C-alpha cells in the first residue's frame, strides 16, 4: 500500500507566500552587532583553544610520568586532563567556525553564509548544553557516592565502638 501523498501545488504556493511574509530582515544595526559579537566570540574561542592545547600537553606529560611509574596516579589525572582538553576544544571549534562565517556573511551580506554561521552557533550551544547536563549528572552522582560512603562509614564506626 502506498502512503505517499503529494501536496497540491496550491498548498505549496501558499506556504511559500507565508514564508515570505514571515521572513526576518537583518538591519545594518543588527549586522554591526553581529560583527562585534563575532570578534568577541573569536577571542574567547581562540583563547580557550590555546588553553585546551596547554591542558592536552600537560596531560601528555602526566601520562608519560604515569607510564614510567615516577608519579603515582599521574596516569588517571592525565586521562582526565586529556578528556577536559577535548571537551573544551570541540565547542570552541564550533565558535571559531561561527565567527569566521559571520565575518564572511557580514562582509558580503550573504544569507547562505549567515545560515551556516548560525548552524555552527547552534552546534556550539548544543555541545555546551550536553556538557552542562553531563556535569550535573556527575555532580549528583558524586554527591550520592559521598553521602553513601559517609553513611556506610558512620555505621561501621558505630559498630566498632
N, C-alpha and C. Protein backbone atom coordinates (compact mmCIF):
# COMPACT_ATOMS: atom_id res chain seq x y z
N UNK A 1 0.85 -1.17 0.00
CA UNK A 1 0.00 0.00 0.00
C UNK A 1 0.89 1.24 0.00
N UNK A 2 0.58 2.19 -0.81
CA UNK A 2 1.40 3.38 -0.95
C UNK A 2 0.84 4.50 -0.07
N UNK A 3 1.67 4.99 0.85
CA UNK A 3 1.23 6.03 1.77
C UNK A 3 1.69 7.41 1.35
N UNK A 4 2.37 7.51 0.24
CA UNK A 4 2.88 8.79 -0.22
C UNK A 4 1.74 9.60 -0.84
N UNK A 5 1.56 10.78 -0.31
CA UNK A 5 0.52 11.67 -0.84
C UNK A 5 1.20 12.98 -1.20
N UNK A 6 1.04 13.38 -2.43
CA UNK A 6 1.66 14.62 -2.88
C UNK A 6 0.74 15.80 -2.55
N UNK A 7 1.36 16.87 -2.04
CA UNK A 7 0.57 18.06 -1.71
C UNK A 7 0.13 18.74 -3.00
N UNK A 8 -1.05 19.28 -2.99
CA UNK A 8 -1.47 20.04 -4.17
C UNK A 8 -0.56 21.25 -4.35
N UNK A 9 -0.40 21.66 -5.59
CA UNK A 9 0.51 22.76 -5.91
C UNK A 9 0.07 24.05 -5.23
N UNK A 10 -1.22 24.27 -5.08
CA UNK A 10 -1.70 25.50 -4.45
C UNK A 10 -1.24 25.58 -3.00
N UNK A 11 -1.21 24.47 -2.29
CA UNK A 11 -0.79 24.46 -0.89
C UNK A 11 0.68 24.85 -0.78
N UNK A 12 1.51 24.37 -1.70
CA UNK A 12 2.93 24.71 -1.69
C UNK A 12 3.11 26.20 -1.96
N UNK A 13 2.34 26.76 -2.89
CA UNK A 13 2.43 28.19 -3.18
C UNK A 13 2.02 29.04 -1.98
N UNK A 14 0.99 28.60 -1.27
CA UNK A 14 0.54 29.32 -0.07
C UNK A 14 1.62 29.29 0.99
N UNK A 15 2.29 28.13 1.15
CA UNK A 15 3.36 28.03 2.15
C UNK A 15 4.52 28.96 1.81
N UNK A 16 4.88 29.04 0.53
CA UNK A 16 5.96 29.94 0.13
C UNK A 16 5.58 31.39 0.40
N UNK A 17 4.34 31.75 0.12
CA UNK A 17 3.87 33.12 0.36
C UNK A 17 3.91 33.43 1.85
N UNK A 18 3.49 32.48 2.68
CA UNK A 18 3.53 32.68 4.14
C UNK A 18 4.96 32.82 4.63
N UNK A 19 5.86 32.04 4.05
CA UNK A 19 7.27 32.12 4.47
C UNK A 19 7.85 33.48 4.12
N UNK A 20 7.48 34.02 2.98
CA UNK A 20 7.97 35.33 2.59
C UNK A 20 7.41 36.40 3.52
N UNK A 21 6.14 36.30 3.88
CA UNK A 21 5.53 37.26 4.78
C UNK A 21 6.16 37.21 6.16
N UNK A 22 6.58 36.03 6.60
CA UNK A 22 7.11 35.86 7.95
C UNK A 22 8.64 35.88 7.98
N UNK A 23 9.29 36.34 6.93
CA UNK A 23 10.75 36.35 6.91
C UNK A 23 11.29 37.48 7.79
N UNK A 24 12.53 37.34 8.18
CA UNK A 24 13.20 38.32 9.03
C UNK A 24 14.27 39.00 8.20
N UNK A 25 14.30 40.29 8.28
CA UNK A 25 15.36 41.04 7.61
C UNK A 25 16.35 41.51 8.65
N UNK A 26 17.62 41.44 8.31
CA UNK A 26 18.67 41.89 9.22
C UNK A 26 19.05 43.31 8.83
N UNK A 27 18.89 44.21 9.78
CA UNK A 27 19.19 45.62 9.53
C UNK A 27 20.69 45.85 9.62
N UNK A 28 21.12 47.04 9.20
CA UNK A 28 22.54 47.39 9.29
C UNK A 28 23.00 47.43 10.75
N UNK A 29 22.13 47.88 11.65
CA UNK A 29 22.48 47.90 13.06
C UNK A 29 22.67 46.47 13.59
N UNK A 30 21.82 45.56 13.16
CA UNK A 30 21.97 44.16 13.58
C UNK A 30 23.27 43.57 13.03
N UNK A 31 23.63 43.93 11.81
CA UNK A 31 24.89 43.47 11.24
C UNK A 31 26.08 43.99 12.03
N UNK A 32 25.99 45.24 12.49
CA UNK A 32 27.06 45.79 13.32
C UNK A 32 27.18 45.02 14.64
N UNK A 33 26.03 44.68 15.24
CA UNK A 33 26.05 43.90 16.48
C UNK A 33 26.62 42.50 16.23
N UNK A 34 26.24 41.88 15.13
CA UNK A 34 26.78 40.56 14.78
C UNK A 34 28.29 40.63 14.57
N UNK A 35 28.75 41.68 13.91
CA UNK A 35 30.17 41.83 13.66
C UNK A 35 30.93 41.99 14.97
N UNK A 36 30.38 42.78 15.89
CA UNK A 36 31.02 42.95 17.20
C UNK A 36 31.01 41.63 17.98
N UNK A 37 29.90 40.93 17.93
CA UNK A 37 29.77 39.66 18.63
C UNK A 37 30.77 38.63 18.10
N UNK A 38 30.96 38.59 16.80
CA UNK A 38 31.87 37.60 16.23
C UNK A 38 33.31 37.87 16.63
N UNK A 39 33.67 39.15 16.83
CA UNK A 39 35.03 39.45 17.28
C UNK A 39 35.27 38.88 18.68
N UNK A 40 34.31 39.11 19.57
CA UNK A 40 34.45 38.61 20.94
C UNK A 40 34.37 37.08 20.98
N UNK A 41 33.50 36.51 20.18
CA UNK A 41 33.40 35.04 20.19
C UNK A 41 34.69 34.42 19.67
N UNK A 42 35.32 35.05 18.69
CA UNK A 42 36.58 34.51 18.19
C UNK A 42 37.67 34.63 19.24
N UNK A 43 37.71 35.78 19.94
CA UNK A 43 38.69 35.95 21.00
C UNK A 43 38.54 34.87 22.07
N UNK A 44 37.31 34.67 22.53
CA UNK A 44 37.04 33.66 23.55
C UNK A 44 37.41 32.27 23.05
N UNK A 45 37.05 31.97 21.81
CA UNK A 45 37.31 30.64 21.25
C UNK A 45 38.80 30.39 21.08
N UNK A 46 39.53 31.35 20.54
CA UNK A 46 40.97 31.17 20.32
C UNK A 46 41.69 31.03 21.66
N UNK A 47 41.33 31.85 22.63
CA UNK A 47 41.94 31.75 23.96
C UNK A 47 41.65 30.39 24.58
N UNK A 48 40.41 29.94 24.49
CA UNK A 48 40.04 28.65 25.07
C UNK A 48 40.72 27.49 24.36
N UNK A 49 40.87 27.58 23.06
CA UNK A 49 41.58 26.53 22.31
C UNK A 49 43.05 26.50 22.73
N UNK A 50 43.65 27.67 22.92
CA UNK A 50 45.04 27.72 23.39
C UNK A 50 45.16 27.06 24.76
N UNK A 51 44.22 27.33 25.65
CA UNK A 51 44.24 26.71 26.98
C UNK A 51 44.01 25.20 26.88
N UNK A 52 43.16 24.78 25.96
CA UNK A 52 42.92 23.34 25.77
C UNK A 52 44.17 22.65 25.26
N UNK A 53 44.92 23.31 24.39
CA UNK A 53 46.16 22.74 23.88
C UNK A 53 47.18 22.61 25.01
N UNK A 54 47.29 23.65 25.85
CA UNK A 54 48.20 23.58 27.00
C UNK A 54 47.78 22.46 27.96
N UNK A 55 46.48 22.32 28.16
CA UNK A 55 45.97 21.25 29.02
C UNK A 55 46.28 19.89 28.43
N UNK A 56 46.18 19.75 27.11
CA UNK A 56 46.50 18.49 26.44
C UNK A 56 47.99 18.17 26.57
N UNK A 57 48.84 19.20 26.46
CA UNK A 57 50.28 18.97 26.63
C UNK A 57 50.60 18.53 28.06
N UNK A 58 49.94 19.16 29.03
CA UNK A 58 50.11 18.75 30.42
C UNK A 58 49.63 17.31 30.61
N UNK A 59 48.55 16.96 29.94
CA UNK A 59 48.03 15.59 30.03
C UNK A 59 49.04 14.59 29.48
N UNK A 60 49.70 14.93 28.38
CA UNK A 60 50.70 14.04 27.80
C UNK A 60 51.87 13.87 28.77
N UNK A 61 52.31 14.97 29.39
CA UNK A 61 53.40 14.89 30.36
C UNK A 61 53.00 13.98 31.53
N UNK A 62 51.77 14.17 32.02
CA UNK A 62 51.29 13.33 33.13
C UNK A 62 51.16 11.87 32.71
N UNK A 63 50.68 11.64 31.50
CA UNK A 63 50.56 10.25 31.02
C UNK A 63 51.93 9.59 30.89
N UNK A 64 52.92 10.34 30.42
CA UNK A 64 54.27 9.78 30.32
C UNK A 64 54.86 9.53 31.71
N UNK A 65 54.60 10.45 32.64
CA UNK A 65 55.06 10.26 34.02
C UNK A 65 54.36 9.09 34.67
N UNK A 66 53.09 8.91 34.38
CA UNK A 66 52.35 7.79 34.92
C UNK A 66 52.79 6.47 34.33
N UNK A 67 53.18 6.48 33.06
CA UNK A 67 53.62 5.25 32.40
C UNK A 67 54.96 4.77 32.97
N UNK A 68 55.82 5.72 33.34
CA UNK A 68 57.12 5.35 33.92
C UNK A 68 56.98 4.97 35.39
N UNK A 69 55.84 5.33 35.98
CA UNK A 69 55.62 4.99 37.38
C UNK A 69 56.30 5.94 38.34
N UNK A 70 56.82 7.06 37.85
CA UNK A 70 57.52 8.00 38.73
C UNK A 70 56.56 8.83 39.58
N UNK A 71 55.38 9.08 39.04
CA UNK A 71 54.39 9.87 39.78
C UNK A 71 53.14 9.02 39.95
N UNK A 72 52.84 8.62 41.20
CA UNK A 72 51.66 7.78 41.39
C UNK A 72 50.36 8.52 41.08
N UNK A 73 49.49 7.90 40.33
CA UNK A 73 48.19 8.49 39.99
C UNK A 73 48.24 9.48 38.84
N UNK A 74 49.41 9.70 38.29
CA UNK A 74 49.54 10.68 37.20
C UNK A 74 48.80 10.24 35.95
N UNK A 75 48.75 8.94 35.72
CA UNK A 75 48.07 8.44 34.53
C UNK A 75 46.58 8.77 34.54
N UNK A 76 45.93 8.59 35.67
CA UNK A 76 44.50 8.90 35.77
C UNK A 76 44.25 10.40 35.63
N UNK A 77 45.11 11.20 36.25
CA UNK A 77 44.97 12.65 36.14
C UNK A 77 45.21 13.07 34.69
N UNK A 78 46.19 12.45 34.05
CA UNK A 78 46.48 12.76 32.65
C UNK A 78 45.30 12.44 31.74
N UNK A 79 44.64 11.32 31.98
CA UNK A 79 43.46 10.95 31.19
C UNK A 79 42.34 11.97 31.42
N UNK A 80 42.16 12.38 32.67
CA UNK A 80 41.12 13.37 32.98
C UNK A 80 41.43 14.71 32.30
N UNK A 81 42.70 15.12 32.33
CA UNK A 81 43.08 16.38 31.67
C UNK A 81 42.91 16.30 30.16
N UNK A 82 43.25 15.15 29.59
CA UNK A 82 43.08 14.98 28.14
C UNK A 82 41.61 15.04 27.76
N UNK A 83 40.77 14.41 28.54
CA UNK A 83 39.33 14.46 28.31
C UNK A 83 38.81 15.89 28.43
N UNK A 84 39.27 16.61 29.44
CA UNK A 84 38.86 18.01 29.61
C UNK A 84 39.32 18.87 28.43
N UNK A 85 40.52 18.60 27.92
CA UNK A 85 41.02 19.36 26.77
C UNK A 85 40.16 19.11 25.54
N UNK A 86 39.79 17.87 25.31
CA UNK A 86 38.95 17.54 24.16
C UNK A 86 37.57 18.18 24.31
N UNK A 87 37.00 18.07 25.52
CA UNK A 87 35.68 18.64 25.75
C UNK A 87 35.68 20.16 25.67
N UNK A 88 36.81 20.78 25.89
CA UNK A 88 36.92 22.23 25.74
C UNK A 88 37.10 22.59 24.26
N UNK A 89 37.89 21.79 23.56
CA UNK A 89 38.22 22.11 22.17
C UNK A 89 37.01 22.05 21.25
N UNK A 90 36.18 21.03 21.40
CA UNK A 90 35.09 20.80 20.44
C UNK A 90 34.12 21.99 20.34
N UNK A 91 33.52 22.48 21.43
CA UNK A 91 32.61 23.61 21.27
C UNK A 91 33.32 24.88 20.82
N UNK A 92 34.58 25.03 21.21
CA UNK A 92 35.31 26.24 20.80
C UNK A 92 35.59 26.23 19.31
N UNK A 93 35.78 25.04 18.76
CA UNK A 93 35.98 24.94 17.30
C UNK A 93 34.70 25.40 16.58
N UNK A 94 33.54 25.01 17.12
CA UNK A 94 32.28 25.47 16.55
C UNK A 94 32.17 26.98 16.65
N UNK A 95 32.64 27.56 17.75
CA UNK A 95 32.58 29.00 17.92
C UNK A 95 33.51 29.72 16.93
N UNK A 96 34.66 29.14 16.66
CA UNK A 96 35.57 29.71 15.65
C UNK A 96 34.91 29.67 14.28
N UNK A 97 34.28 28.54 13.94
CA UNK A 97 33.59 28.44 12.65
C UNK A 97 32.47 29.48 12.55
N UNK A 98 31.71 29.66 13.63
CA UNK A 98 30.67 30.68 13.66
C UNK A 98 31.26 32.06 13.39
N UNK A 99 32.35 32.37 14.06
CA UNK A 99 32.97 33.68 13.91
C UNK A 99 33.46 33.91 12.48
N UNK A 100 34.13 32.92 11.92
CA UNK A 100 34.66 33.07 10.55
C UNK A 100 33.53 33.22 9.53
N UNK A 101 32.49 32.42 9.67
CA UNK A 101 31.37 32.51 8.71
C UNK A 101 30.57 33.80 8.91
N UNK A 102 30.47 34.28 10.14
CA UNK A 102 29.78 35.55 10.38
C UNK A 102 30.55 36.69 9.74
N UNK A 103 31.87 36.66 9.85
CA UNK A 103 32.70 37.70 9.22
C UNK A 103 32.46 37.72 7.71
N UNK A 104 32.45 36.52 7.13
CA UNK A 104 32.23 36.40 5.68
C UNK A 104 30.82 36.87 5.31
N UNK A 105 29.82 36.50 6.11
CA UNK A 105 28.44 36.87 5.82
C UNK A 105 28.21 38.36 5.95
N UNK A 106 28.78 38.97 6.99
CA UNK A 106 28.60 40.42 7.20
C UNK A 106 29.31 41.20 6.09
N UNK A 107 30.50 40.76 5.72
CA UNK A 107 31.25 41.46 4.68
C UNK A 107 30.53 41.38 3.33
N UNK A 108 30.00 40.21 2.99
CA UNK A 108 29.36 40.04 1.69
C UNK A 108 27.84 40.14 1.72
N UNK A 109 27.27 40.35 2.92
CA UNK A 109 25.82 40.36 3.11
C UNK A 109 25.18 39.16 2.42
N UNK A 110 25.74 37.98 2.76
CA UNK A 110 25.33 36.72 2.14
C UNK A 110 24.49 35.91 3.13
N UNK A 111 23.25 35.65 2.78
CA UNK A 111 22.35 34.90 3.67
C UNK A 111 22.79 33.46 3.86
N UNK A 112 23.33 32.85 2.83
CA UNK A 112 23.77 31.46 2.93
C UNK A 112 24.89 31.30 3.96
N UNK A 113 25.85 32.22 3.92
CA UNK A 113 26.93 32.18 4.91
C UNK A 113 26.40 32.44 6.32
N UNK A 114 25.41 33.32 6.43
CA UNK A 114 24.83 33.60 7.75
C UNK A 114 24.09 32.39 8.29
N UNK A 115 23.39 31.66 7.41
CA UNK A 115 22.72 30.43 7.83
C UNK A 115 23.74 29.42 8.35
N UNK A 116 24.85 29.27 7.62
CA UNK A 116 25.90 28.34 8.06
C UNK A 116 26.50 28.80 9.39
N UNK A 117 26.69 30.11 9.55
CA UNK A 117 27.22 30.63 10.80
C UNK A 117 26.30 30.30 11.97
N UNK A 118 25.00 30.51 11.77
CA UNK A 118 24.04 30.19 12.84
C UNK A 118 23.99 28.69 13.11
N UNK A 119 24.23 27.88 12.08
CA UNK A 119 24.27 26.43 12.27
C UNK A 119 25.40 26.07 13.24
N UNK A 120 26.59 26.69 13.05
CA UNK A 120 27.71 26.40 13.94
C UNK A 120 27.49 26.99 15.33
N UNK A 121 26.78 28.11 15.41
CA UNK A 121 26.44 28.66 16.73
C UNK A 121 25.50 27.70 17.45
N UNK A 122 24.57 27.10 16.71
CA UNK A 122 23.67 26.09 17.28
C UNK A 122 24.47 24.90 17.78
N UNK A 123 25.44 24.43 16.98
CA UNK A 123 26.28 23.31 17.40
C UNK A 123 27.04 23.64 18.68
N UNK A 124 27.52 24.89 18.77
CA UNK A 124 28.24 25.33 19.97
C UNK A 124 27.34 25.21 21.20
N UNK A 125 26.11 25.71 21.08
CA UNK A 125 25.21 25.67 22.22
C UNK A 125 24.76 24.24 22.54
N UNK A 126 24.60 23.41 21.53
CA UNK A 126 24.25 22.01 21.78
C UNK A 126 25.39 21.32 22.53
N UNK A 127 26.62 21.49 22.06
CA UNK A 127 27.77 20.86 22.71
C UNK A 127 27.93 21.36 24.14
N UNK A 128 27.77 22.66 24.33
CA UNK A 128 27.88 23.23 25.68
C UNK A 128 26.76 22.73 26.57
N UNK A 129 25.55 22.65 26.05
CA UNK A 129 24.42 22.16 26.83
C UNK A 129 24.58 20.71 27.23
N UNK A 130 25.07 19.88 26.31
CA UNK A 130 25.30 18.47 26.62
C UNK A 130 26.35 18.35 27.72
N UNK A 131 27.41 19.16 27.64
CA UNK A 131 28.43 19.11 28.68
C UNK A 131 27.89 19.58 30.03
N UNK A 132 27.01 20.56 30.03
CA UNK A 132 26.39 21.00 31.29
C UNK A 132 25.54 19.88 31.88
N UNK A 133 24.76 19.22 31.04
CA UNK A 133 23.93 18.11 31.52
C UNK A 133 24.80 16.99 32.09
N UNK A 134 25.87 16.65 31.39
CA UNK A 134 26.79 15.61 31.87
C UNK A 134 27.42 16.04 33.20
N UNK A 135 27.79 17.31 33.30
CA UNK A 135 28.37 17.82 34.56
C UNK A 135 27.39 17.71 35.71
N UNK A 136 26.15 18.06 35.46
CA UNK A 136 25.13 17.95 36.50
C UNK A 136 24.97 16.50 36.95
N UNK A 137 24.97 15.58 35.99
CA UNK A 137 24.85 14.16 36.32
C UNK A 137 26.04 13.71 37.18
N UNK A 138 27.26 14.13 36.80
CA UNK A 138 28.43 13.76 37.59
C UNK A 138 28.37 14.35 39.00
N UNK A 139 27.95 15.59 39.13
CA UNK A 139 27.85 16.22 40.45
C UNK A 139 26.86 15.45 41.32
N UNK A 140 25.71 15.13 40.76
CA UNK A 140 24.71 14.37 41.52
C UNK A 140 25.25 12.99 41.90
N UNK A 141 25.93 12.33 40.95
CA UNK A 141 26.48 11.00 41.22
C UNK A 141 27.54 11.07 42.33
N UNK A 142 28.41 12.08 42.28
CA UNK A 142 29.43 12.21 43.32
C UNK A 142 28.82 12.57 44.67
N UNK A 143 27.76 13.37 44.66
CA UNK A 143 27.08 13.69 45.92
C UNK A 143 26.47 12.42 46.53
N UNK A 144 25.82 11.64 45.70
CA UNK A 144 25.22 10.39 46.19
C UNK A 144 26.31 9.45 46.69
N UNK A 145 27.41 9.33 45.94
CA UNK A 145 28.51 8.46 46.36
C UNK A 145 29.11 8.95 47.68
N UNK A 146 29.30 10.27 47.79
CA UNK A 146 29.85 10.82 49.03
C UNK A 146 28.94 10.60 50.22
N UNK A 147 27.65 10.84 50.03
CA UNK A 147 26.71 10.61 51.12
C UNK A 147 26.64 9.13 51.49
N UNK A 148 26.66 8.28 50.51
CA UNK A 148 26.63 6.83 50.76
C UNK A 148 27.87 6.39 51.53
N UNK A 149 29.03 6.87 51.08
CA UNK A 149 30.28 6.49 51.77
C UNK A 149 30.29 7.04 53.19
N UNK A 150 29.80 8.24 53.39
CA UNK A 150 29.72 8.81 54.74
C UNK A 150 28.76 8.03 55.61
N UNK A 151 27.64 7.63 55.05
CA UNK A 151 26.66 6.86 55.80
C UNK A 151 27.22 5.50 56.19
N UNK A 152 27.86 4.81 55.23
CA UNK A 152 28.44 3.50 55.50
C UNK A 152 29.57 3.62 56.51
N UNK A 153 30.38 4.66 56.37
CA UNK A 153 31.49 4.87 57.30
C UNK A 153 30.98 5.10 58.72
N UNK A 154 29.91 5.88 58.86
CA UNK A 154 29.37 6.14 60.20
C UNK A 154 28.78 4.87 60.81
N UNK A 155 28.17 4.03 60.00
CA UNK A 155 27.62 2.77 60.51
C UNK A 155 28.76 1.86 60.97
N UNK A 156 29.84 1.79 60.18
CA UNK A 156 30.95 0.93 60.53
C UNK A 156 31.65 1.43 61.80
N UNK A 157 31.78 2.75 61.96
CA UNK A 157 32.40 3.29 63.16
C UNK A 157 31.53 3.06 64.39
N UNK A 158 30.23 3.14 64.25
CA UNK A 158 29.35 2.93 65.40
C UNK A 158 29.36 1.47 65.84
N UNK A 159 29.61 0.56 64.94
CA UNK A 159 29.66 -0.85 65.32
C UNK A 159 30.98 -1.21 65.99
N UNK A 160 32.04 -0.48 65.72
CA UNK A 160 33.34 -0.74 66.32
C UNK A 160 33.47 -0.15 67.71
N UNK A 161 32.60 0.79 68.05
CA UNK A 161 32.72 1.48 69.36
C UNK A 161 32.16 0.69 70.46
